Amino acid sequence: MEPLVSWLRVWAWSPALPAPLLAGFAPLLAALRRARPDGPPDPRSAARPRSRHHTTIELEDLLERVAAAGALAAAAALAGAPDAGASGYATVLQRVVAADPAAWTADVPAVLAALVLPELCAFHLAAAAAARRPEVFPAGPAEAVLAALALSRALPAPSDPHVPDAGEYAGRAWSGLLTFVWRTGDGLGDLGGDLSAVLDQLHALIEPLTHPAARPPTAAAVAPATPASGPAGPPSDRAAGEEQGLPAGLLDAHPAVRALDCLLDYAASRALRDGQMPGDVLNLVAGVLAARGGDEAVAAVIGARLPLLHRRATAFTAAHHDEVYGLVPGRPSPAAAWLHDRRGPGLDPLLLAALDRGQLLAVLREEPSGRAAFRVIHALLTGHDELLGDPVATWRALAAGPGGAETASAFLGHLALFTAMRPVDRTSLDTEQVWWTAALDAGLPPGALADAGYFAAALPDEVWLPLVRRSAPPLPGPERRRPGRRTRRRAPA
């Protein structure tokens, strides 16, 4: 028997379905018509839900208004639209500003005053920042940056990374403008006396990160409110006078995290040698590390600058060694973020050597063929032979604990596959032979050499053959194979 939901679906679509198809449902439809003589509404005439990109004022109409009356008149028209502030206007403004960026950025305060709504102001500033044309901001970007920073503090923080809102567009505006200024130097002189105001606003956005994350609300805090007999007081889960901090697990688009990223870009542009990074920035970063160093987004931002801090802020990294270089399983940190970042700065064996060897081995045990293993193997191949210490002791440490054989085998196979690619910056010629031999000498558990067969493509015959004989001794009796046969198959332990 068909479920009831499918019968009701036939009833709902009956005005649009052909008669032959409805013939089999005639008794059902007759019974439903007795209960509802007016019948179901015709689905073909139902109003379609509008896209979130729909706007009352269309792009073509706005372009015509700009051509006829100028950007200020067009901005006033946007502010007076019935759906002013809708997210669809972000796309409309992006295209309108890109068509005539000079008209929309010649007098930023006047345009923002005409737009009125903070959402429209954020959309406009983000569109102007994305234009990046020579005629953009003829009077300099300072007023736009300060306005976008003020909007970021006033608007709610972005709540969904996949659906940008006004707060996200405000963040895109000032971070895009300032990142371009810091990294290229273009427009730095235009900031002039406003540079200190810009830096003050960045510090103000970051300051909440120097306090521990807000505790989640307790059961008493989320329970239905009851009339109180006495005077109102602070919530039961928070002491009097305690400020409500930012929650844990911030998005990388949060204004505080974005400001930290931008301020570190500024510090990097000022530090040409060790000791030149601004002290106030380093002090702020120290406070963030102490309070929120375990937040994934914060650790990722600082980790992306870890090579720079390692070389140009050596006194700072020495004073905060554990917070910067620590590798604790399951806890984000700048070093862990740098180790696993596939898009960040390049390979850095000297920074790798600054990490604690025991903690690095723990990371390799967790991911013997991941990004951290890639960095370690690259360092071994480029002359940093002492990175992990004695190879025999390293193999024993990798194979220690549950699943040790699989861990050692995976790391050995990753070493073989990476060396088979023949990296151009390689300087050590016998790394594979040294580490494969050490694995044989370490007395590893059965199965630890299962991936040694991948060395077939990385070593010449005179090196590969003796090692593979030791890794896979020939079987007795009629199952003995030719000992010199070269194969890519996994070698049994």
Protein backbone atom coordinates (compact mmCIF):
# COMPACT_ATOMS: atom_id res chain seq x y z
CA MET A 1 0.00 0.00 0.00
CA GLU A 2 1.27 3.47 -0.87
CA PRO A 3 2.11 5.71 2.08
CA LEU A 4 -0.27 8.58 2.83
CA VAL A 5 2.31 11.24 1.97
CA SER A 6 2.47 10.12 -1.67
CA TRP A 7 -1.34 10.21 -1.95
CA LEU A 8 -1.43 13.75 -0.64
CA ARG A 9 1.29 14.71 -3.09
CA VAL A 10 -0.91 13.46 -5.94
CA TRP A 11 -3.77 15.57 -4.55
CA ALA A 12 -1.59 18.67 -4.32
CA TRP A 13 -0.36 18.27 -7.91
CA SER A 14 -3.66 17.07 -9.39
CA PRO A 15 -4.45 20.42 -11.14
CA ALA A 16 -1.28 20.05 -13.21
CA LEU A 17 -1.17 16.26 -13.76
CA PRO A 18 -2.64 14.64 -16.92
CA ALA A 19 -5.93 12.77 -16.64
CA PRO A 20 -4.51 9.31 -17.56
CA LEU A 21 -2.11 9.55 -14.66
CA LEU A 22 -4.87 10.57 -12.24
CA ALA A 23 -7.18 7.73 -13.32
CA GLY A 24 -5.69 5.29 -10.84
CA PHE A 25 -6.25 7.75 -7.97
CA ALA A 26 -9.91 8.58 -8.81
CA PRO A 27 -11.43 7.18 -5.54
CA LEU A 28 -8.86 9.07 -3.45
CA LEU A 29 -9.37 12.33 -5.29
CA ALA A 30 -13.16 12.00 -5.06
CA ALA A 31 -12.99 11.50 -1.30
CA LEU A 32 -10.69 14.48 -0.87
CA ARG A 33 -12.94 16.70 -3.03
CA ARG A 34 -15.87 15.89 -0.76
CA ALA A 35 -13.80 17.16 2.17
CA ARG A 36 -12.39 20.15 0.26
CA PRO A 37 -14.76 21.12 -2.56
CA ASP A 38 -12.54 24.05 -3.61
CA GLY A 39 -9.70 21.63 -4.41
CA PRO A 40 -5.97 22.25 -4.05
CA PRO A 41 -4.35 25.45 -5.38
CA ASP A 42 -2.81 25.24 -8.82
CA PRO A 43 0.98 24.83 -8.27
CA ARG A 44 1.65 26.55 -11.60
CA SER A 45 0.26 29.82 -10.27
CA ALA A 46 2.04 29.70 -6.91
CA ALA A 47 4.53 32.50 -6.26
CA ARG A 48 8.11 31.37 -6.50
CA PRO A 49 10.40 32.17 -3.59
CA ARG A 50 12.77 34.98 -4.40
CA SER A 51 16.51 34.46 -4.46
CA ARG A 52 18.51 36.16 -1.72
CA HIS A 53 20.24 38.01 -4.58
CA HIS A 54 16.98 39.63 -5.75
CA THR A 55 16.78 43.41 -5.43
CA THR A 56 14.04 45.94 -6.11
CA ILE A 57 16.44 48.27 -7.93
CA GLU A 58 18.05 46.42 -10.81
CA LEU A 59 21.65 46.84 -11.92
CA GLU A 60 20.73 48.47 -15.24
CA ASP A 61 18.48 51.03 -13.54
CA LEU A 62 21.23 52.00 -11.13
CA LEU A 63 23.80 52.36 -13.91
CA GLU A 64 21.45 54.69 -15.77
CA ARG A 65 20.89 56.77 -12.64
CA VAL A 66 24.66 57.10 -12.09
CA ALA A 67 25.15 58.22 -15.69
CA ALA A 68 22.31 60.73 -15.44
CA ALA A 69 22.62 62.18 -11.93
CA GLY A 70 25.87 60.90 -10.40
CA ALA A 71 26.89 58.51 -7.66
CA LEU A 72 25.34 60.51 -4.79
CA ALA A 73 21.88 60.43 -6.39
CA ALA A 74 22.22 56.70 -7.04
CA ALA A 75 23.28 56.16 -3.42
CA ALA A 76 20.21 58.08 -2.18
CA ALA A 77 18.00 55.93 -4.41
CA LEU A 78 19.49 52.78 -2.91
CA ALA A 79 18.88 54.07 0.61
CA GLY A 80 15.23 54.72 -0.25
CA ALA A 81 14.56 51.30 -1.78
CA PRO A 82 11.91 49.17 0.00
CA ASP A 83 14.48 46.38 0.46
CA ALA A 84 17.43 48.65 1.24
CA GLY A 85 20.13 46.65 3.03
CA ALA A 86 19.26 43.33 1.36
CA SER A 87 22.31 41.17 0.66
CA GLY A 88 21.65 41.25 -3.07
CA TYR A 89 22.82 44.86 -3.17
CA ALA A 90 26.35 43.68 -2.41
CA THR A 91 26.57 42.24 -5.93
CA VAL A 92 24.80 45.24 -7.47
CA LEU A 93 27.20 47.72 -5.85
CA GLN A 94 30.22 45.63 -6.76
CA ARG A 95 29.32 45.88 -10.45
CA VAL A 96 28.28 49.53 -10.32
CA VAL A 97 31.43 50.63 -8.50
CA ALA A 98 33.62 48.58 -10.85
CA ALA A 99 32.03 50.38 -13.81
CA ASP A 100 32.99 53.85 -12.49
CA PRO A 101 35.21 53.57 -9.40
CA ALA A 102 36.31 57.20 -9.42
CA ALA A 103 32.73 58.47 -9.12
CA TRP A 104 32.08 56.25 -6.08
CA THR A 105 35.37 56.89 -4.25
CA ALA A 106 36.11 60.56 -4.93
CA ASP A 107 34.19 61.64 -1.79
CA VAL A 108 33.79 58.59 0.43
CA PRO A 109 32.14 60.39 3.42
CA ALA A 110 29.50 61.95 1.15
CA VAL A 111 28.65 58.62 -0.48
CA LEU A 112 28.42 56.88 2.89
CA ALA A 113 26.16 59.64 4.22
CA ALA A 114 23.87 59.20 1.19
CA LEU A 115 23.73 55.42 1.61
CA VAL A 116 22.62 55.88 5.25
CA LEU A 117 22.29 52.18 6.14
CA PRO A 118 25.41 50.47 7.56
CA GLU A 119 24.74 47.43 5.37
CA LEU A 120 24.85 49.50 2.19
CA CYS A 121 27.95 51.31 3.44
CA ALA A 122 29.69 47.98 4.03
CA PHE A 123 28.73 46.72 0.55
CA HIS A 124 30.03 49.93 -1.04
CA LEU A 125 33.37 49.90 0.78
CA ALA A 126 33.96 46.24 -0.06
CA ALA A 127 33.20 46.93 -3.72
CA ALA A 128 35.60 49.89 -3.74
CA ALA A 129 38.34 47.82 -2.08
CA ALA A 130 37.89 45.04 -4.66
CA ALA A 131 38.16 47.44 -7.61
CA ARG A 132 41.90 48.19 -7.09
CA ARG A 133 42.15 50.47 -10.10
CA PRO A 134 44.48 53.49 -10.38
CA GLU A 135 41.55 55.91 -10.21
CA VAL A 136 40.15 54.41 -6.99
CA PHE A 137 40.35 56.69 -3.93
CA PRO A 138 41.90 59.75 -5.59
CA ALA A 139 42.11 61.39 -2.14
CA GLY A 140 43.66 58.31 -0.55
CA PRO A 141 42.18 55.26 1.21
CA ALA A 142 42.35 56.58 4.79
CA GLU A 143 38.71 57.67 5.08
CA ALA A 144 37.47 54.39 3.59
CA VAL A 145 39.64 52.31 5.93
CA LEU A 146 38.54 54.22 9.03
CA ALA A 147 34.88 53.97 8.01
CA ALA A 148 35.14 50.23 7.37
CA LEU A 149 36.87 49.67 10.71
CA ALA A 150 34.13 51.63 12.48
CA LEU A 151 31.49 49.51 10.72
CA SER A 152 33.23 46.30 11.81
CA ARG A 153 32.95 47.39 15.42
CA ALA A 154 29.29 48.41 15.05
CA LEU A 155 27.93 45.52 12.96
CA PRO A 156 27.40 41.99 14.31
CA ALA A 157 30.27 39.60 13.62
CA PRO A 158 29.84 37.30 10.58
CA SER A 159 27.84 34.23 11.60
CA ASP A 160 28.13 31.99 8.55
CA PRO A 161 31.28 31.76 6.37
CA HIS A 162 29.19 30.52 3.43
CA VAL A 163 26.61 33.35 3.46
CA PRO A 164 28.41 36.72 3.64
CA ASP A 165 26.59 39.46 5.55
CA ALA A 166 27.28 43.15 6.13
CA GLY A 167 29.86 42.44 8.83
CA GLU A 168 31.75 40.18 6.46
CA TYR A 169 31.76 42.81 3.72
CA ALA A 170 33.01 45.50 6.13
CA GLY A 171 35.85 43.18 7.11
CA ARG A 172 36.69 42.49 3.49
CA ALA A 173 36.87 46.23 2.85
CA TRP A 174 39.38 47.33 5.48
CA SER A 175 41.44 44.13 5.45
CA GLY A 176 41.73 44.17 1.66
CA LEU A 177 42.73 47.82 1.57
CA LEU A 178 45.23 47.61 4.41
CA THR A 179 46.79 44.35 3.23
CA PHE A 180 47.38 45.92 -0.17
CA VAL A 181 48.91 49.01 1.48
CA TRP A 182 51.18 47.03 3.85
CA ARG A 183 52.47 44.61 1.22
CA THR A 184 53.02 47.05 -1.63
CA GLY A 185 53.60 50.36 0.11
CA ASP A 186 51.17 52.00 -2.32
CA GLY A 187 48.95 54.40 -0.43
CA LEU A 188 50.97 54.26 2.79
CA GLY A 189 51.81 57.93 2.40
CA ASP A 190 48.14 58.69 1.77
CA LEU A 191 47.30 57.44 5.26
CA GLY A 192 49.61 60.10 6.69
CA GLY A 193 48.44 61.20 10.11
CA ASP A 194 45.55 58.72 9.95
CA LEU A 195 47.94 55.78 10.29
CA SER A 196 47.91 56.00 14.08
CA ALA A 197 44.10 56.10 14.09
CA VAL A 198 44.00 53.01 11.84
CA LEU A 199 46.40 51.13 14.11
CA ASP A 200 44.42 52.19 17.19
CA GLN A 201 41.25 50.75 15.69
CA LEU A 202 43.03 47.50 14.82
CA HIS A 203 44.27 47.27 18.41
CA ALA A 204 40.74 47.93 19.67
CA LEU A 205 39.33 45.13 17.50
CA ILE A 206 41.99 42.69 18.71
CA GLU A 207 41.83 43.61 22.40
CA PRO A 208 38.96 41.18 23.22
CA LEU A 209 41.27 38.33 22.15
CA THR A 210 43.54 39.14 25.09
CA HIS A 211 40.81 37.86 27.45
CA PRO A 212 39.81 34.21 27.89
CA ALA A 213 36.88 32.92 25.86
CA ALA A 214 33.43 33.51 27.29
CA ARG A 215 32.04 30.57 29.15
CA PRO A 216 29.00 28.95 27.53
CA PRO A 217 25.71 29.77 29.28
CA THR A 218 24.75 27.48 32.13
CA ALA A 219 21.42 25.69 32.41
CA ALA A 220 20.20 28.45 34.74
CA ALA A 221 21.10 31.10 32.17
CA VAL A 222 19.11 29.48 29.36
CA ALA A 223 16.12 28.48 31.51
CA PRO A 224 12.83 30.42 31.07
CA ALA A 225 12.84 33.64 32.99
CA THR A 226 10.82 33.83 36.22
CA PRO A 227 9.69 36.96 38.00
CA ALA A 228 12.30 38.17 40.46
CA SER A 229 11.36 39.44 43.88
CA GLY A 230 14.54 41.42 44.42
CA PRO A 231 16.56 43.91 42.37
CA ALA A 232 18.09 42.70 39.12
CA GLY A 233 21.68 41.48 39.28
CA PRO A 234 24.31 39.86 37.05
CA PRO A 235 23.61 36.42 35.54
CA SER A 236 24.28 33.54 37.87
CA ASP A 237 27.11 32.17 35.71
CA ARG A 238 29.06 35.44 35.68
CA ALA A 239 30.56 37.43 38.50
CA ALA A 240 29.61 41.07 39.02
CA GLY A 241 31.70 43.41 36.92
CA GLU A 242 32.97 40.63 34.64
CA GLU A 243 32.81 41.49 30.93
CA GLN A 244 31.34 39.03 28.49
CA GLY A 245 34.26 38.01 26.24
CA LEU A 246 34.24 36.58 22.75
CA PRO A 247 33.18 32.92 22.51
CA ALA A 248 35.54 30.09 21.69
CA GLY A 249 35.82 28.70 18.16
CA LEU A 250 35.83 32.01 16.30
CA LEU A 251 35.67 32.01 12.51
CA ASP A 252 38.67 33.29 10.59
CA ALA A 253 36.33 36.00 9.23
CA HIS A 254 35.61 37.38 12.71
CA PRO A 255 36.69 41.05 12.91
CA ALA A 256 39.07 40.38 15.81
CA VAL A 257 40.83 37.54 13.99
CA ARG A 258 40.92 39.49 10.75
CA ALA A 259 42.39 42.51 12.56
CA LEU A 260 45.11 40.31 14.10
CA ASP A 261 45.99 39.05 10.64
CA CYS A 262 46.15 42.58 9.27
CA LEU A 263 48.20 43.96 12.17
CA LEU A 264 50.76 41.16 11.78
CA ASP A 265 51.01 42.06 8.10
CA TYR A 266 51.78 45.62 9.16
CA ALA A 267 54.44 44.43 11.63
CA ALA A 268 56.01 42.27 8.92
CA SER A 269 56.24 45.24 6.58
CA ARG A 270 58.16 47.19 9.25
CA ALA A 271 60.62 44.44 10.21
CA LEU A 272 63.48 44.21 7.75
CA ARG A 273 65.86 42.78 10.39
CA ASP A 274 65.64 41.01 13.73
CA GLY A 275 64.39 43.25 16.51
CA GLN A 276 62.51 45.71 14.27
CA MET A 277 58.98 44.40 14.77
CA PRO A 278 56.91 47.02 16.63
CA GLY A 279 56.94 46.35 20.36
CA ASP A 280 53.27 47.24 20.89
CA VAL A 281 52.27 44.65 18.30
CA LEU A 282 54.38 41.95 19.94
CA ASN A 283 52.96 42.83 23.36
CA LEU A 284 49.45 42.48 21.97
CA VAL A 285 50.32 39.13 20.35
CA ALA A 286 51.73 37.94 23.69
CA GLY A 287 48.40 38.74 25.36
CA VAL A 288 46.48 36.94 22.61
CA LEU A 289 48.71 33.86 22.92
CA ALA A 290 48.23 33.74 26.68
CA ALA A 291 44.45 34.02 26.49
CA ARG A 292 43.45 32.47 23.15
CA GLY A 293 46.49 30.66 21.74
CA GLY A 294 44.47 27.43 21.66
CA ASP A 295 41.79 28.87 19.35
CA GLU A 296 42.18 27.36 15.90
CA ALA A 297 41.61 30.60 13.98
CA VAL A 298 44.02 32.57 16.18
CA ALA A 299 46.68 29.85 15.98
CA ALA A 300 46.35 29.76 12.18
CA VAL A 301 46.89 33.52 11.86
CA ILE A 302 49.99 33.51 14.06
CA GLY A 303 51.25 30.25 12.55
CA ALA A 304 51.22 31.78 9.08
CA ARG A 305 53.73 34.38 10.39
CA LEU A 306 55.78 31.90 12.41
CA PRO A 307 58.80 31.89 10.03
CA LEU A 308 58.90 35.68 10.22
CA LEU A 309 58.61 35.73 14.02
CA HIS A 310 61.29 33.03 14.26
CA ARG A 311 63.80 35.19 12.41
CA ARG A 312 62.84 38.80 13.12
CA ALA A 313 61.45 38.58 16.65
CA THR A 314 63.85 36.12 18.28
CA ALA A 315 63.62 37.74 21.71
CA PHE A 316 59.83 37.46 21.59
CA THR A 317 59.79 33.82 20.49
CA ALA A 318 62.38 32.91 23.13
CA ALA A 319 60.28 34.55 25.86
CA HIS A 320 57.11 32.77 24.68
CA HIS A 321 58.67 29.52 23.49
CA ASP A 322 56.00 27.13 24.75
CA GLU A 323 53.08 29.17 23.42
CA VAL A 324 54.71 29.66 20.00
CA TYR A 325 56.50 26.36 19.37
CA GLY A 326 54.46 23.97 21.52
CA LEU A 327 52.97 20.86 19.87
CA VAL A 328 50.36 19.27 22.12
CA PRO A 329 48.15 16.58 20.54
CA GLY A 330 44.60 17.83 20.08
CA ARG A 331 45.42 21.46 20.91
CA PRO A 332 45.84 24.12 18.20
CA SER A 333 49.01 26.19 18.35
CA PRO A 334 50.97 28.42 15.95
CA ALA A 335 53.55 25.67 15.37
CA ALA A 336 50.87 23.05 14.71
CA ALA A 337 49.08 25.40 12.30
CA TRP A 338 52.33 26.06 10.44
CA LEU A 339 53.16 22.37 10.23
CA HIS A 340 49.83 21.53 8.63
CA ASP A 341 49.38 24.62 6.45
CA ARG A 342 49.48 23.67 2.76
CA ARG A 343 49.00 27.23 1.49
CA GLY A 344 51.33 29.18 3.74
CA PRO A 345 55.03 30.00 3.59
CA GLY A 346 57.43 27.48 2.13
CA LEU A 347 59.47 24.76 3.75
CA ASP A 348 61.65 25.97 6.61
CA PRO A 349 64.05 23.37 8.06
CA LEU A 350 65.59 25.85 10.51
CA LEU A 351 62.19 26.58 12.03
CA LEU A 352 61.47 22.87 12.10
CA ALA A 353 64.67 22.32 14.08
CA ALA A 354 63.45 24.78 16.74
CA LEU A 355 60.53 22.48 17.63
CA ASP A 356 60.79 20.00 20.48
CA ARG A 357 61.94 16.63 19.07
CA GLY A 358 59.68 14.57 21.33
CA GLN A 359 56.62 16.65 20.43
CA LEU A 360 57.50 16.48 16.73
CA LEU A 361 57.74 12.69 16.92
CA ALA A 362 54.33 12.63 18.58
CA VAL A 363 52.94 14.58 15.61
CA LEU A 364 54.56 12.10 13.20
CA ARG A 365 53.01 9.20 15.10
CA GLU A 366 49.60 10.82 14.62
CA GLU A 367 50.17 11.60 10.91
CA PRO A 368 53.12 9.60 9.55
CA SER A 369 52.31 10.54 5.94
CA GLY A 370 50.81 14.02 6.32
CA ARG A 371 52.04 17.55 5.84
CA ALA A 372 54.31 17.44 8.90
CA ALA A 373 56.00 14.30 7.55
CA PHE A 374 56.49 16.08 4.23
CA ARG A 375 58.31 18.95 5.95
CA VAL A 376 60.46 16.57 8.01
CA ILE A 377 61.50 14.45 5.03
CA HIS A 378 62.31 17.53 2.99
CA ALA A 379 64.59 18.74 5.81
CA LEU A 380 66.34 15.36 5.92
CA LEU A 381 66.94 15.45 2.17
CA THR A 382 68.32 18.99 2.23
CA GLY A 383 71.16 18.35 4.66
CA HIS A 384 69.47 18.60 8.08
CA ASP A 385 70.40 15.07 9.08
CA GLU A 386 70.27 15.72 12.83
CA LEU A 387 66.69 16.99 12.85
CA LEU A 388 65.25 13.84 14.44
CA GLY A 389 68.44 12.64 16.11
CA ASP A 390 69.71 9.09 15.77
CA PRO A 391 67.71 7.31 13.02
CA VAL A 392 67.61 3.97 14.90
CA ALA A 393 66.26 5.64 18.05
CA THR A 394 63.77 7.59 15.93
CA TRP A 395 62.40 4.43 14.34
CA ARG A 396 61.96 2.84 17.75
CA ALA A 397 60.15 5.93 19.02
CA LEU A 398 57.84 5.99 15.99
CA ALA A 399 57.01 2.29 16.41
CA ALA A 400 56.33 2.59 20.13
CA GLY A 401 52.77 2.23 21.36
CA PRO A 402 49.59 0.90 19.71
CA GLY A 403 49.71 0.78 15.93
CA GLY A 404 53.46 1.39 15.92
CA ALA A 405 54.16 -0.98 13.04
CA GLU A 406 51.64 0.75 10.78
CA THR A 407 53.03 4.16 11.76
CA ALA A 408 56.62 3.21 10.96
CA SER A 409 55.59 1.58 7.69
CA ALA A 410 53.61 4.65 6.60
CA PHE A 411 56.53 7.00 7.35
CA LEU A 412 58.95 4.72 5.49
CA GLY A 413 56.64 4.60 2.47
CA HIS A 414 56.24 8.39 2.54
CA LEU A 415 60.03 8.75 2.57
CA ALA A 416 60.28 6.44 -0.44
CA LEU A 417 57.57 8.21 -2.43
CA PHE A 418 58.96 11.67 -1.70
CA THR A 419 62.51 10.76 -2.67
CA ALA A 420 61.25 9.11 -5.86
CA MET A 421 60.03 12.57 -6.95
CA ARG A 422 63.70 13.74 -6.85
CA PRO A 423 63.31 17.24 -5.34
CA VAL A 424 65.54 19.77 -7.05
CA ASP A 425 66.91 21.27 -3.81
CA ARG A 426 68.13 17.95 -2.45
CA THR A 427 71.68 17.91 -1.02
CA SER A 428 71.91 14.65 0.97
CA LEU A 429 72.62 11.74 -1.38
CA ASP A 430 72.16 8.71 0.88
CA THR A 431 69.15 9.66 3.06
CA GLU A 432 67.00 6.73 1.89
CA GLN A 433 69.79 4.21 2.42
CA VAL A 434 70.61 5.56 5.89
CA TRP A 435 67.02 5.54 7.11
CA TRP A 436 66.07 2.20 5.54
CA THR A 437 69.17 0.61 7.05
CA ALA A 438 68.35 2.17 10.42
CA ALA A 439 64.85 0.73 10.23
CA LEU A 440 66.34 -2.72 9.67
CA ASP A 441 68.74 -2.25 12.61
CA ALA A 442 66.03 -0.97 14.97
CA GLY A 443 64.34 -4.34 15.47
CA LEU A 444 60.90 -3.03 14.56
CA PRO A 445 57.75 -5.13 15.06
CA PRO A 446 56.34 -7.25 12.21
CA GLY A 447 54.75 -5.17 9.48
CA ALA A 448 56.86 -2.07 10.09
CA LEU A 449 58.70 -2.49 6.76
CA ALA A 450 55.63 -3.27 4.68
CA ASP A 451 55.96 -0.10 2.58
CA ALA A 452 59.66 -0.51 1.85
CA GLY A 453 58.73 -1.77 -1.61
CA TYR A 454 58.10 1.82 -2.69
CA PHE A 455 61.87 2.37 -2.71
CA ALA A 456 62.00 0.42 -5.98
CA ALA A 457 61.59 3.66 -7.92
CA ALA A 458 63.97 5.67 -5.73
CA LEU A 459 67.18 3.64 -5.46
CA PRO A 460 69.62 2.06 -7.93
CA ASP A 461 69.81 -1.73 -8.10
CA GLU A 462 73.09 -2.03 -6.22
CA VAL A 463 71.59 -0.19 -3.22
CA TRP A 464 68.03 -1.45 -3.42
CA LEU A 465 68.72 -5.17 -3.79
CA PRO A 466 70.70 -5.79 -0.56
CA LEU A 467 68.22 -3.79 1.47
CA VAL A 468 65.16 -5.48 0.07
CA ARG A 469 66.76 -8.89 0.73
CA ARG A 470 67.16 -7.93 4.37
CA SER A 471 63.62 -6.54 4.51
CA ALA A 472 62.02 -9.57 2.85
CA PRO A 473 64.09 -12.74 3.37
CA PRO A 474 63.34 -15.41 0.72
CA LEU A 475 60.76 -17.99 1.70
CA PRO A 476 61.97 -21.62 2.15
CA GLY A 477 61.18 -24.51 -0.15
CA PRO A 478 59.28 -24.32 -3.42
CA GLU A 479 57.89 -20.81 -2.63
CA ARG A 480 61.39 -19.22 -2.88
CA ARG A 481 61.45 -16.44 -5.44
CA ARG A 482 64.30 -15.03 -7.45
CA PRO A 483 66.09 -12.73 -5.01
CA GLY A 484 67.06 -10.19 -7.62
CA ARG A 485 63.61 -9.53 -9.06
CA ARG A 486 62.76 -5.82 -8.80
CA THR A 487 59.15 -5.00 -7.93
CA ARG A 488 57.03 -2.17 -6.60
CA ARG A 489 54.92 -4.55 -4.50
CA ARG A 490 54.84 -4.04 -0.76
CA ALA A 491 57.67 -5.88 0.93
CA PRO A 492 56.53 -8.05 3.86
CA ALA A 493 58.21 -7.37 7.17
